[in-house]
């Protein structure tokens, strides 16, 4: 591992940590504009995280070490995922250390810990949110794996850097399988990030929320880490989608600093368009009942499987 590669890796992680709250703020602004409402500040997520870090944490007397440990595990898992996903360059040290299956495992690790922490206190809403989170994850993870396997069939590898290199640096071709996989990935991303139509991140109605129900007992630095990790998860899913379906602009090597610095504006531009698209989808959609989630995610799984079949039958 060269010093240049290590610095490139640290730069990608720093950009992810810095841009993740900004992406959330941008999506919230776009939603407000599309709904003809007064838009919140773009820097509101930063102010919220800063305010929470300055407060004193209140922890229930019945909380076990899992409750205190979970925010750090969830935040660490999202940071590892941000280092693995090739958002700026493909030839990075951490990106080569894990493939797409291990990346899905990191998301699953964060889900397990936050669900255990939600059930640890013993409140009814926390337990309800944890059960719903595991229910959604149980349906979303197979669909996500099928999407990644479809891309791996084209590149011949489950390594994300190899997938990006194959799709970005070969002659222009239209892949019907990737079109189907892209729709499936969008549906999975909405569910995994607690967005409309599966969940509403802006609601505080206990009977309908999923993610918010699990973190009702958290405060101060613990809540700040969870909110930051939630923003990182949205950023990571956005970068996975951009790396697979819009891989242009990503540098091929970690030693070419000019290409890496040029990849940063391309990443920001794609995130701006992706954030607006997410806000548009949420504005045009309605929150569905939790019992309709299996149909929604089942459709995503079928589309992902159909993408694999199209790739096998047509070779494209």
C-alpha atoms as a PDB file:
ATOM      1  CA  UNK A   1       0.000   0.000   0.000  1.00  0.00           C
ATOM      2  CA  UNK A   2       1.601   3.249  -1.137  1.00  0.00           C
ATOM      3  CA  UNK A   3       1.288   6.578   0.646  1.00  0.00           C
ATOM      4  CA  UNK A   4      -0.540   8.002  -2.360  1.00  0.00           C
ATOM      5  CA  UNK A   5      -3.126   5.201  -2.292  1.00  0.00           C
ATOM      6  CA  UNK A   6      -3.641   5.657   1.446  1.00  0.00           C
ATOM      7  CA  UNK A   7      -4.147   9.398   1.041  1.00  0.00           C
ATOM      8  CA  UNK A   8      -6.622   8.769  -1.783  1.00  0.00           C
ATOM      9  CA  UNK A   9      -8.527   6.394   0.470  1.00  0.00           C
ATOM     10  CA  UNK A  10      -8.632   8.918   3.305  1.00  0.00           C
ATOM     11  CA  UNK A  11      -9.792  11.614   0.875  1.00  0.00           C
ATOM     12  CA  UNK A  12     -12.701   9.460  -0.312  1.00  0.00           C
ATOM     13  CA  UNK A  13     -13.728   8.711   3.278  1.00  0.00           C
ATOM     14  CA  UNK A  14     -13.463  12.389   4.265  1.00  0.00           C
ATOM     15  CA  UNK A  15     -15.605  13.441   1.302  1.00  0.00           C
ATOM     16  CA  UNK A  16     -18.220  10.836   2.237  1.00  0.00           C
ATOM     17  CA  UNK A  17     -18.344  12.047   5.848  1.00  0.00           C
ATOM     18  CA  UNK A  18     -18.611  15.665   4.730  1.00  0.00           C
ATOM     19  CA  UNK A  19     -21.115  15.248   1.891  1.00  0.00           C
ATOM     20  CA  UNK A  20     -23.523  12.757   3.519  1.00  0.00           C
ATOM     21  CA  UNK A  21     -25.373  15.331   5.691  1.00  0.00           C
ATOM     22  CA  UNK A  22     -25.300  17.781   2.780  1.00  0.00           C
ATOM     23  CA  UNK A  23     -27.029  15.211   0.567  1.00  0.00           C
ATOM     24  CA  UNK A  24     -29.799  14.837   3.157  1.00  0.00           C
ATOM     25  CA  UNK A  25     -30.170  18.608   3.336  1.00  0.00           C
ATOM     26  CA  UNK A  26     -30.353  18.830  -0.460  1.00  0.00           C
ATOM     27  CA  UNK A  27     -33.073  16.162  -0.663  1.00  0.00           C
ATOM     28  CA  UNK A  28     -35.078  17.956   2.035  1.00  0.00           C
ATOM     29  CA  UNK A  29     -34.752  21.240   0.168  1.00  0.00           C
ATOM     30  CA  UNK A  30     -35.884  19.693  -3.103  1.00  0.00           C
ATOM     31  CA  UNK A  31     -38.884  18.065  -1.418  1.00  0.00           C
ATOM     32  CA  UNK A  32     -39.907  21.415   0.052  1.00  0.00           C
ATOM     33  CA  UNK A  33     -39.572  23.177  -3.305  1.00  0.00           C
ATOM     34  CA  UNK A  34     -41.577  20.503  -5.126  1.00  0.00           C
ATOM     35  CA  UNK A  35     -44.312  20.711  -2.471  1.00  0.00           C
ATOM     36  CA  UNK A  36     -44.340  24.525  -2.648  1.00  0.00           C
ATOM     37  CA  UNK A  37     -43.154  24.865   0.952  1.00  0.00           C
ATOM     38  CA  UNK A  38     -40.511  26.984   2.602  1.00  0.00           C
ATOM     39  CA  UNK A  39     -37.276  25.046   2.244  1.00  0.00           C
ATOM     40  CA  UNK A  40     -35.071  24.370   5.292  1.00  0.00           C
ATOM     41  CA  UNK A  41     -31.439  25.389   5.294  1.00  0.00           C
ATOM     42  CA  UNK A  42     -29.062  23.222   3.317  1.00  0.00           C
ATOM     43  CA  UNK A  43     -26.796  23.109   6.383  1.00  0.00           C
ATOM     44  CA  UNK A  44     -29.538  22.074   8.818  1.00  0.00           C
ATOM     45  CA  UNK A  45     -28.277  18.450   9.125  1.00  0.00           C
ATOM     46  CA  UNK A  46     -24.815  19.747  10.137  1.00  0.00           C
ATOM     47  CA  UNK A  47     -26.350  22.040  12.760  1.00  0.00           C
ATOM     48  CA  UNK A  48     -28.469  19.207  14.118  1.00  0.00           C
ATOM     49  CA  UNK A  49     -25.486  16.868  14.456  1.00  0.00           C
ATOM     50  CA  UNK A  50     -23.373  19.604  16.050  1.00  0.00           C
ATOM     51  CA  UNK A  51     -26.156  20.468  18.522  1.00  0.00           C
ATOM     52  CA  UNK A  52     -26.578  16.821  19.511  1.00  0.00           C
ATOM     53  CA  UNK A  53     -22.846  16.345  20.099  1.00  0.00           C
ATOM     54  CA  UNK A  54     -22.878  19.266  22.535  1.00  0.00           C
ATOM     55  CA  UNK A  55     -25.660  17.795  24.708  1.00  0.00           C
ATOM     56  CA  UNK A  56     -25.411  15.346  27.599  1.00  0.00           C
ATOM     57  CA  UNK A  57     -26.612  11.839  26.869  1.00  0.00           C
ATOM     58  CA  UNK A  58     -29.521  10.390  28.835  1.00  0.00           C
ATOM     59  CA  UNK A  59     -29.489   6.590  29.011  1.00  0.00           C
ATOM     60  CA  UNK A  60     -32.135   4.415  30.612  1.00  0.00           C
ATOM     61  CA  UNK A  61     -31.076   2.573  33.760  1.00  0.00           C
ATOM     62  CA  UNK A  62     -32.109  -0.738  32.186  1.00  0.00           C
ATOM     63  CA  UNK A  63     -29.884  -0.257  29.120  1.00  0.00           C
ATOM     64  CA  UNK A  64     -27.249  -2.907  28.498  1.00  0.00           C
ATOM     65  CA  UNK A  65     -23.827  -2.337  26.869  1.00  0.00           C
ATOM     66  CA  UNK A  66     -25.407  -3.190  23.501  1.00  0.00           C
ATOM     67  CA  UNK A  67     -27.517  -0.032  23.668  1.00  0.00           C
ATOM     68  CA  UNK A  68     -24.433   2.130  24.230  1.00  0.00           C
ATOM     69  CA  UNK A  69     -22.288   0.255  21.708  1.00  0.00           C
ATOM     70  CA  UNK A  70     -24.797   0.146  18.836  1.00  0.00           C
ATOM     71  CA  UNK A  71     -24.379   3.774  17.595  1.00  0.00           C
ATOM     72  CA  UNK A  72     -20.609   3.327  17.306  1.00  0.00           C
ATOM     73  CA  UNK A  73     -20.963  -0.013  15.497  1.00  0.00           C
ATOM     74  CA  UNK A  74     -23.553   1.392  13.077  1.00  0.00           C
ATOM     75  CA  UNK A  75     -21.460   4.490  12.362  1.00  0.00           C
ATOM     76  CA  UNK A  76     -18.290   2.399  11.946  1.00  0.00           C
ATOM     77  CA  UNK A  77     -20.040   0.011   9.547  1.00  0.00           C
ATOM     78  CA  UNK A  78     -21.245   2.914   7.394  1.00  0.00           C
ATOM     79  CA  UNK A  79     -17.742   4.408   7.375  1.00  0.00           C
ATOM     80  CA  UNK A  80     -16.290   1.054   6.238  1.00  0.00           C
ATOM     81  CA  UNK A  81     -18.922   0.864   3.510  1.00  0.00           C
ATOM     82  CA  UNK A  82     -18.059   4.408   2.395  1.00  0.00           C
ATOM     83  CA  UNK A  83     -14.410   3.366   2.122  1.00  0.00           C
ATOM     84  CA  UNK A  84     -15.281   0.243   0.104  1.00  0.00           C
ATOM     85  CA  UNK A  85     -17.686   1.776  -2.427  1.00  0.00           C
ATOM     86  CA  UNK A  86     -15.658   3.261  -5.339  1.00  0.00           C
ATOM     87  CA  UNK A  87     -17.059   6.787  -5.420  1.00  0.00           C
ATOM     88  CA  UNK A  88     -13.872   8.632  -6.496  1.00  0.00           C
ATOM     89  CA  UNK A  89     -11.479   5.904  -7.669  1.00  0.00           C
ATOM     90  CA  UNK A  90     -11.500   2.145  -8.137  1.00  0.00           C
ATOM     91  CA  UNK A  91      -7.934   1.199  -7.236  1.00  0.00           C
ATOM     92  CA  UNK A  92      -8.156   2.030  -3.523  1.00  0.00           C
ATOM     93  CA  UNK A  93      -6.832  -0.176  -0.675  1.00  0.00           C
ATOM     94  CA  UNK A  94     -10.144  -0.739   1.108  1.00  0.00           C
ATOM     95  CA  UNK A  95     -12.115  -1.169  -2.113  1.00  0.00           C
ATOM     96  CA  UNK A  96     -10.034  -4.239  -2.953  1.00  0.00           C
ATOM     97  CA  UNK A  97     -10.454  -5.688   0.546  1.00  0.00           C
ATOM     98  CA  UNK A  98     -14.133  -6.612   0.210  1.00  0.00           C
ATOM     99  CA  UNK A  99     -16.559  -7.522  -2.553  1.00  0.00           C
ATOM    100  CA  UNK A 100     -20.225  -6.683  -3.016  1.00  0.00           C
ATOM    101  CA  UNK A 101     -21.357  -9.569  -0.796  1.00  0.00           C
ATOM    102  CA  UNK A 102     -19.245  -8.300   2.104  1.00  0.00           C
ATOM    103  CA  UNK A 103     -20.681  -4.823   1.506  1.00  0.00           C
ATOM    104  CA  UNK A 104     -24.214  -6.164   1.932  1.00  0.00           C
ATOM    105  CA  UNK A 105     -22.955  -7.878   5.094  1.00  0.00           C
ATOM    106  CA  UNK A 106     -21.855  -4.508   6.499  1.00  0.00           C
ATOM    107  CA  UNK A 107     -25.344  -3.100   5.970  1.00  0.00           C
ATOM    108  CA  UNK A 108     -26.789  -6.193   7.637  1.00  0.00           C
ATOM    109  CA  UNK A 109     -24.417  -5.804  10.607  1.00  0.00           C
ATOM    110  CA  UNK A 110     -25.599  -2.234  11.171  1.00  0.00           C
ATOM    111  CA  UNK A 111     -29.237  -3.336  10.929  1.00  0.00           C
ATOM    112  CA  UNK A 112     -28.789  -6.120  13.476  1.00  0.00           C
ATOM    113  CA  UNK A 113     -27.134  -3.859  16.043  1.00  0.00           C
ATOM    114  CA  UNK A 114     -29.635  -1.009  15.751  1.00  0.00           C
ATOM    115  CA  UNK A 115     -32.491  -3.514  16.006  1.00  0.00           C
ATOM    116  CA  UNK A 116     -30.970  -5.154  19.095  1.00  0.00           C
ATOM    117  CA  UNK A 117     -30.492  -1.727  20.675  1.00  0.00           C
ATOM    118  CA  UNK A 118     -34.121  -0.813  19.937  1.00  0.00           C
ATOM    119  CA  UNK A 119     -35.330  -3.961  21.731  1.00  0.00           C
ATOM    120  CA  UNK A 120     -32.824  -3.639  24.556  1.00  0.00           C
ATOM    121  CA  UNK A 121     -34.738  -0.982  26.529  1.00  0.00           C
ATOM    122  CA  UNK A 122     -37.990  -2.926  26.263  1.00  0.00           C
ATOM    123  CA  UNK A 123     -40.290  -0.156  25.017  1.00  0.00           C
ATOM    124  CA  UNK A 124     -43.177  -1.141  22.792  1.00  0.00           C
ATOM    125  CA  UNK A 125     -42.382   1.288  19.983  1.00  0.00           C
ATOM    126  CA  UNK A 126     -38.697   0.354  19.897  1.00  0.00           C
ATOM    127  CA  UNK A 127     -39.540  -3.339  19.646  1.00  0.00           C
ATOM    128  CA  UNK A 128     -42.146  -2.633  16.971  1.00  0.00           C
ATOM    129  CA  UNK A 129     -39.641  -0.585  14.938  1.00  0.00           C
ATOM    130  CA  UNK A 130     -36.983  -3.297  15.252  1.00  0.00           C
ATOM    131  CA  UNK A 131     -39.366  -5.980  14.041  1.00  0.00           C
ATOM    132  CA  UNK A 132     -40.373  -3.840  11.069  1.00  0.00           C
ATOM    133  CA  UNK A 133     -36.733  -3.050  10.259  1.00  0.00           C
ATOM    134  CA  UNK A 134     -35.771  -6.734  10.233  1.00  0.00           C
ATOM    135  CA  UNK A 135     -38.888  -7.474   8.183  1.00  0.00           C
ATOM    136  CA  UNK A 136     -37.905  -4.925   5.532  1.00  0.00           C
ATOM    137  CA  UNK A 137     -34.256  -6.028   5.587  1.00  0.00           C
ATOM    138  CA  UNK A 138     -35.236  -9.676   5.181  1.00  0.00           C
ATOM    139  CA  UNK A 139     -36.995  -8.755   1.931  1.00  0.00           C
ATOM    140  CA  UNK A 140     -34.588  -6.081   0.663  1.00  0.00           C
ATOM    141  CA  UNK A 141     -31.242  -7.865   1.027  1.00  0.00           C
ATOM    142  CA  UNK A 142     -31.990 -10.696  -1.467  1.00  0.00           C
ATOM    143  CA  UNK A 143     -33.146  -8.145  -4.041  1.00  0.00           C
ATOM    144  CA  UNK A 144     -29.978  -6.095  -3.520  1.00  0.00           C
ATOM    145  CA  UNK A 145     -27.821  -9.203  -3.922  1.00  0.00           C
ATOM    146  CA  UNK A 146     -29.603 -10.096  -7.169  1.00  0.00           C
ATOM    147  CA  UNK A 147     -28.898  -6.593  -8.506  1.00  0.00           C
ATOM    148  CA  UNK A 148     -25.223  -6.906  -7.633  1.00  0.00           C
ATOM    149  CA  UNK A 149     -25.062 -10.404  -9.126  1.00  0.00           C
ATOM    150  CA  UNK A 150     -26.507  -9.063 -12.381  1.00  0.00           C
ATOM    151  CA  UNK A 151     -23.695  -6.517 -12.592  1.00  0.00           C
ATOM    152  CA  UNK A 152     -21.167  -9.200 -11.642  1.00  0.00           C
ATOM    153  CA  UNK A 153     -22.314 -11.388 -14.546  1.00  0.00           C
ATOM    154  CA  UNK A 154     -21.337  -8.613 -16.943  1.00  0.00           C
ATOM    155  CA  UNK A 155     -17.932  -8.011 -15.367  1.00  0.00           C
ATOM    156  CA  UNK A 156     -17.196 -11.574 -14.264  1.00  0.00           C
ATOM    157  CA  UNK A 157     -16.488 -10.520 -10.675  1.00  0.00           C
ATOM    158  CA  UNK A 158     -18.354  -9.560  -7.498  1.00  0.00           C
ATOM    159  CA  UNK A 159     -15.733  -6.915  -6.720  1.00  0.00           C
ATOM    160  CA  UNK A 160     -17.214  -3.428  -7.088  1.00  0.00           C
ATOM    161  CA  UNK A 161     -13.979  -1.888  -8.477  1.00  0.00           C
ATOM    162  CA  UNK A 162     -13.868  -4.578 -11.165  1.00  0.00           C
ATOM    163  CA  UNK A 163     -17.537  -4.008 -11.998  1.00  0.00           C
ATOM    164  CA  UNK A 164     -16.967  -0.258 -12.313  1.00  0.00           C
ATOM    165  CA  UNK A 165     -13.812  -0.705 -14.405  1.00  0.00           C
ATOM    166  CA  UNK A 166     -15.655  -3.086 -16.733  1.00  0.00           C
ATOM    167  CA  UNK A 167     -18.700  -0.895 -17.216  1.00  0.00           C
ATOM    168  CA  UNK A 168     -16.893   2.450 -17.365  1.00  0.00           C
ATOM    169  CA  UNK A 169     -13.940   1.635 -19.599  1.00  0.00           C
ATOM    170  CA  UNK A 170     -15.420  -0.545 -22.303  1.00  0.00           C
ATOM    171  CA  UNK A 171     -17.154   0.502 -25.504  1.00  0.00           C
ATOM    172  CA  UNK A 172     -20.625   1.991 -25.173  1.00  0.00           C
ATOM    173  CA  UNK A 173     -23.310  -0.685 -25.001  1.00  0.00           C
ATOM    174  CA  UNK A 174     -26.953  -0.854 -23.937  1.00  0.00           C
ATOM    175  CA  UNK A 175     -27.695  -3.516 -21.317  1.00  0.00           C
ATOM    176  CA  UNK A 176     -31.418  -4.330 -20.898  1.00  0.00           C
ATOM    177  CA  UNK A 177     -30.508  -6.305 -17.787  1.00  0.00           C
ATOM    178  CA  UNK A 178     -29.028  -3.205 -16.146  1.00  0.00           C
ATOM    179  CA  UNK A 179     -32.207  -1.252 -16.900  1.00  0.00           C
ATOM    180  CA  UNK A 180     -34.276  -3.804 -14.988  1.00  0.00           C
ATOM    181  CA  UNK A 181     -31.661  -3.988 -12.241  1.00  0.00           C
ATOM    182  CA  UNK A 182     -31.677  -0.190 -11.965  1.00  0.00           C
ATOM    183  CA  UNK A 183     -35.417  -0.117 -11.253  1.00  0.00           C
ATOM    184  CA  UNK A 184     -35.006  -2.885  -8.675  1.00  0.00           C
ATOM    185  CA  UNK A 185     -32.089  -1.081  -7.033  1.00  0.00           C
ATOM    186  CA  UNK A 186     -34.111   2.137  -6.784  1.00  0.00           C
ATOM    187  CA  UNK A 187     -36.919   0.300  -5.015  1.00  0.00           C
ATOM    188  CA  UNK A 188     -34.499  -1.404  -2.623  1.00  0.00           C
ATOM    189  CA  UNK A 189     -32.724   1.876  -1.910  1.00  0.00           C
ATOM    190  CA  UNK A 190     -36.011   3.558  -0.972  1.00  0.00           C
ATOM    191  CA  UNK A 191     -36.822   0.753   1.450  1.00  0.00           C
ATOM    192  CA  UNK A 192     -33.351   0.454   2.969  1.00  0.00           C
ATOM    193  CA  UNK A 193     -33.073   4.185   3.626  1.00  0.00           C
ATOM    194  CA  UNK A 194     -36.546   4.499   5.166  1.00  0.00           C
ATOM    195  CA  UNK A 195     -37.870   6.720   2.401  1.00  0.00           C
ATOM    196  CA  UNK A 196     -41.349   7.107   0.956  1.00  0.00           C
ATOM    197  CA  UNK A 197     -43.252   4.939   0.002  1.00  0.00           C
ATOM    198  CA  UNK A 198     -41.961   2.378   2.541  1.00  0.00           C
ATOM    199  CA  UNK A 199     -41.298   4.829   5.383  1.00  0.00           C
ATOM    200  CA  UNK A 200     -41.489   8.571   5.925  1.00  0.00           C
ATOM    201  CA  UNK A 201     -38.320  10.056   7.469  1.00  0.00           C
ATOM    202  CA  UNK A 202     -40.159  13.250   8.420  1.00  0.00           C
ATOM    203  CA  UNK A 203     -42.945  11.645  10.430  1.00  0.00           C
ATOM    204  CA  UNK A 204     -43.128  11.092  14.170  1.00  0.00           C
ATOM    205  CA  UNK A 205     -46.338   9.076  14.197  1.00  0.00           C
ATOM    206  CA  UNK A 206     -45.368   6.031  16.211  1.00  0.00           C
ATOM    207  CA  UNK A 207     -47.801   3.643  14.540  1.00  0.00           C
ATOM    208  CA  UNK A 208     -46.341   4.130  11.049  1.00  0.00           C
ATOM    209  CA  UNK A 209     -42.625   4.906  11.430  1.00  0.00           C
ATOM    210  CA  UNK A 210     -39.857   2.305  11.221  1.00  0.00           C
ATOM    211  CA  UNK A 211     -36.446   3.934  11.554  1.00  0.00           C
ATOM    212  CA  UNK A 212     -37.562   6.691  13.919  1.00  0.00           C
ATOM    213  CA  UNK A 213     -39.262   4.176  16.217  1.00  0.00           C
ATOM    214  CA  UNK A 214     -35.938   2.425  16.830  1.00  0.00           C
ATOM    215  CA  UNK A 215     -34.061   5.541  17.930  1.00  0.00           C
ATOM    216  CA  UNK A 216     -36.651   7.147  20.217  1.00  0.00           C
ATOM    217  CA  UNK A 217     -34.573   6.333  23.316  1.00  0.00           C
ATOM    218  CA  UNK A 218     -31.324   7.796  21.970  1.00  0.00           C
ATOM    219  CA  UNK A 219     -30.091  11.311  22.681  1.00  0.00           C
ATOM    220  CA  UNK A 220     -27.020  13.546  22.433  1.00  0.00           C
ATOM    221  CA  UNK A 221     -23.876  11.991  20.908  1.00  0.00           C
ATOM    222  CA  UNK A 222     -25.547   8.591  20.426  1.00  0.00           C
ATOM    223  CA  UNK A 223     -28.356  10.121  18.382  1.00  0.00           C
ATOM    224  CA  UNK A 224     -25.855  12.278  16.483  1.00  0.00           C
ATOM    225  CA  UNK A 225     -23.884   9.199  15.427  1.00  0.00           C
ATOM    226  CA  UNK A 226     -27.047   7.400  14.335  1.00  0.00           C
ATOM    227  CA  UNK A 227     -28.276  10.391  12.315  1.00  0.00           C
ATOM    228  CA  UNK A 228     -24.845  10.765  10.722  1.00  0.00           C
ATOM    229  CA  UNK A 229     -24.776   7.025   9.972  1.00  0.00           C
ATOM    230  CA  UNK A 230     -28.241   7.281   8.407  1.00  0.00           C
ATOM    231  CA  UNK A 231     -26.996  10.060   6.132  1.00  0.00           C
ATOM    232  CA  UNK A 232     -23.928   7.954   5.295  1.00  0.00           C
ATOM    233  CA  UNK A 233     -26.153   5.010   4.394  1.00  0.00           C
ATOM    234  CA  UNK A 234     -28.093   7.161   1.933  1.00  0.00           C
ATOM    235  CA  UNK A 235     -24.791   8.449   0.538  1.00  0.00           C
ATOM    236  CA  UNK A 236     -23.416   4.895   0.205  1.00  0.00           C
ATOM    237  CA  UNK A 237     -26.494   3.606  -1.588  1.00  0.00           C
ATOM    238  CA  UNK A 238     -26.372   6.614  -3.912  1.00  0.00           C
ATOM    239  CA  UNK A 239     -22.712   5.937  -4.689  1.00  0.00           C
ATOM    240  CA  UNK A 240     -23.387   2.230  -5.304  1.00  0.00           C
ATOM    241  CA  UNK A 241     -26.101   3.131  -7.790  1.00  0.00           C
ATOM    242  CA  UNK A 242     -23.906   5.731  -9.477  1.00  0.00           C
ATOM    243  CA  UNK A 243     -20.937   3.331  -9.608  1.00  0.00           C
ATOM    244  CA  UNK A 244     -22.949   0.566 -11.291  1.00  0.00           C
ATOM    245  CA  UNK A 245     -25.373   2.463 -13.509  1.00  0.00           C
ATOM    246  CA  UNK A 246     -23.514   5.779 -14.105  1.00  0.00           C
ATOM    247  CA  UNK A 247     -19.838   4.858 -13.688  1.00  0.00           C
ATOM    248  CA  UNK A 248     -18.405   7.684 -15.815  1.00  0.00           C
ATOM    249  CA  UNK A 249     -16.106  10.124 -14.058  1.00  0.00           C
ATOM    250  CA  UNK A 250     -14.631   7.633 -11.566  1.00  0.00           C
ATOM    251  CA  UNK A 251     -10.822   7.560 -11.662  1.00  0.00           C
ATOM    252  CA  UNK A 252      -9.207   4.279 -12.662  1.00  0.00           C
ATOM    253  CA  UNK A 253      -6.156   4.551 -10.385  1.00  0.00           C
ATOM    254  CA  UNK A 254      -5.337   5.832  -6.915  1.00  0.00           C
ATOM    255  CA  UNK A 255      -2.019   7.428  -7.960  1.00  0.00           C
ATOM    256  CA  UNK A 256      -3.502   9.781 -10.547  1.00  0.00           C
ATOM    257  CA  UNK A 257      -4.398  12.722  -8.317  1.00  0.00           C
ATOM    258  CA  UNK A 258      -5.545  14.826 -11.260  1.00  0.00           C
ATOM    259  CA  UNK A 259      -8.157  12.201 -12.185  1.00  0.00           C
ATOM    260  CA  UNK A 260      -9.243  11.814  -8.548  1.00  0.00           C
ATOM    261  CA  UNK A 261      -9.674  15.560  -8.082  1.00  0.00           C
ATOM    262  CA  UNK A 262     -11.619  15.637 -11.347  1.00  0.00           C
ATOM    263  CA  UNK A 263     -13.856  12.813 -10.095  1.00  0.00           C
ATOM    264  CA  UNK A 264     -15.008  14.875  -7.093  1.00  0.00           C
ATOM    265  CA  UNK A 265     -16.997  17.462  -9.141  1.00  0.00           C
ATOM    266  CA  UNK A 266     -18.474  14.639 -11.236  1.00  0.00           C
ATOM    267  CA  UNK A 267     -19.580  12.871  -8.045  1.00  0.00           C
ATOM    268  CA  UNK A 268     -21.140  16.041  -6.656  1.00  0.00           C
ATOM    269  CA  UNK A 269     -22.984  16.707  -9.923  1.00  0.00           C
ATOM    270  CA  UNK A 270     -24.401  13.177 -10.024  1.00  0.00           C
ATOM    271  CA  UNK A 271     -25.438  13.407  -6.362  1.00  0.00           C
ATOM    272  CA  UNK A 272     -27.259  16.665  -7.072  1.00  0.00           C
ATOM    273  CA  UNK A 273     -29.258  15.019  -9.853  1.00  0.00           C
ATOM    274  CA  UNK A 274     -29.808  11.873  -7.792  1.00  0.00           C
ATOM    275  CA  UNK A 275     -30.991  13.869  -4.776  1.00  0.00           C
ATOM    276  CA  UNK A 276     -33.486  15.758  -6.911  1.00  0.00           C
ATOM    277  CA  UNK A 277     -34.727  12.477  -8.419  1.00  0.00           C
ATOM    278  CA  UNK A 278     -35.194  11.026  -4.929  1.00  0.00           C
ATOM    279  CA  UNK A 279     -37.152  14.076  -3.813  1.00  0.00           C
ATOM    280  CA  UNK A 280     -39.308  13.856  -6.950  1.00  0.00           C
ATOM    281  CA  UNK A 281     -40.082  10.174  -6.318  1.00  0.00           C
ATOM    282  CA  UNK A 282     -41.040  10.920  -2.720  1.00  0.00           C
ATOM    283  CA  UNK A 283     -43.227  13.840  -3.770  1.00  0.00           C
ATOM    284  CA  UNK A 284     -45.103  11.778  -6.358  1.00  0.00           C
ATOM    285  CA  UNK A 285     -45.511   8.758  -4.062  1.00  0.00           C
ATOM    286  CA  UNK A 286     -47.708   8.111  -1.052  1.00  0.00           C
ATOM    287  CA  UNK A 287     -46.744   6.295   2.119  1.00  0.00           C
ATOM    288  CA  UNK A 288     -47.946   2.695   1.812  1.00  0.00           C
ATOM    289  CA  UNK A 289     -49.120   0.487   4.634  1.00  0.00           C
ATOM    290  CA  UNK A 290     -46.410  -1.675   6.189  1.00  0.00           C
ATOM    291  CA  UNK A 291     -48.290  -4.786   5.056  1.00  0.00           C
ATOM    292  CA  UNK A 292     -47.815  -3.669   1.445  1.00  0.00           C
ATOM    293  CA  UNK A 293     -44.025  -3.678   1.811  1.00  0.00           C
ATOM    294  CA  UNK A 294     -43.709  -7.384   0.852  1.00  0.00           C
ATOM    295  CA  UNK A 295     -45.432  -6.660  -2.464  1.00  0.00           C
ATOM    296  CA  UNK A 296     -43.174  -3.667  -3.102  1.00  0.00           C
ATOM    297  CA  UNK A 297     -39.931  -5.481  -2.283  1.00  0.00           C
ATOM    298  CA  UNK A 298     -41.150  -8.704  -3.879  1.00  0.00           C
ATOM    299  CA  UNK A 299     -41.545  -6.759  -7.117  1.00  0.00           C
ATOM    300  CA  UNK A 300     -37.992  -5.460  -6.726  1.00  0.00           C
ATOM    301  CA  UNK A 301     -36.720  -9.017  -6.236  1.00  0.00           C
ATOM    302  CA  UNK A 302     -38.597 -10.282  -9.308  1.00  0.00           C
ATOM    303  CA  UNK A 303     -37.202  -7.425 -11.420  1.00  0.00           C
ATOM    304  CA  UNK A 304     -33.677  -8.240 -10.227  1.00  0.00           C
ATOM    305  CA  UNK A 305     -34.122 -11.943 -11.007  1.00  0.00           C
ATOM    306  CA  UNK A 306     -35.572 -11.028 -14.410  1.00  0.00           C
ATOM    307  CA  UNK A 307     -32.492  -8.882 -15.026  1.00  0.00           C
ATOM    308  CA  UNK A 308     -30.271 -11.899 -14.335  1.00  0.00           C
ATOM    309  CA  UNK A 309     -32.327 -14.063 -16.701  1.00  0.00           C
ATOM    310  CA  UNK A 310     -32.171 -11.434 -19.435  1.00  0.00           C
ATOM    311  CA  UNK A 311     -28.414 -11.276 -19.023  1.00  0.00           C
ATOM    312  CA  UNK A 312     -28.114 -15.060 -19.241  1.00  0.00           C
ATOM    313  CA  UNK A 313     -30.455 -15.450 -22.203  1.00  0.00           C
ATOM    314  CA  UNK A 314     -29.465 -12.401 -24.248  1.00  0.00           C
ATOM    315  CA  UNK A 315     -25.933 -11.884 -22.983  1.00  0.00           C
ATOM    316  CA  UNK A 316     -26.591  -8.196 -22.383  1.00  0.00           C
END
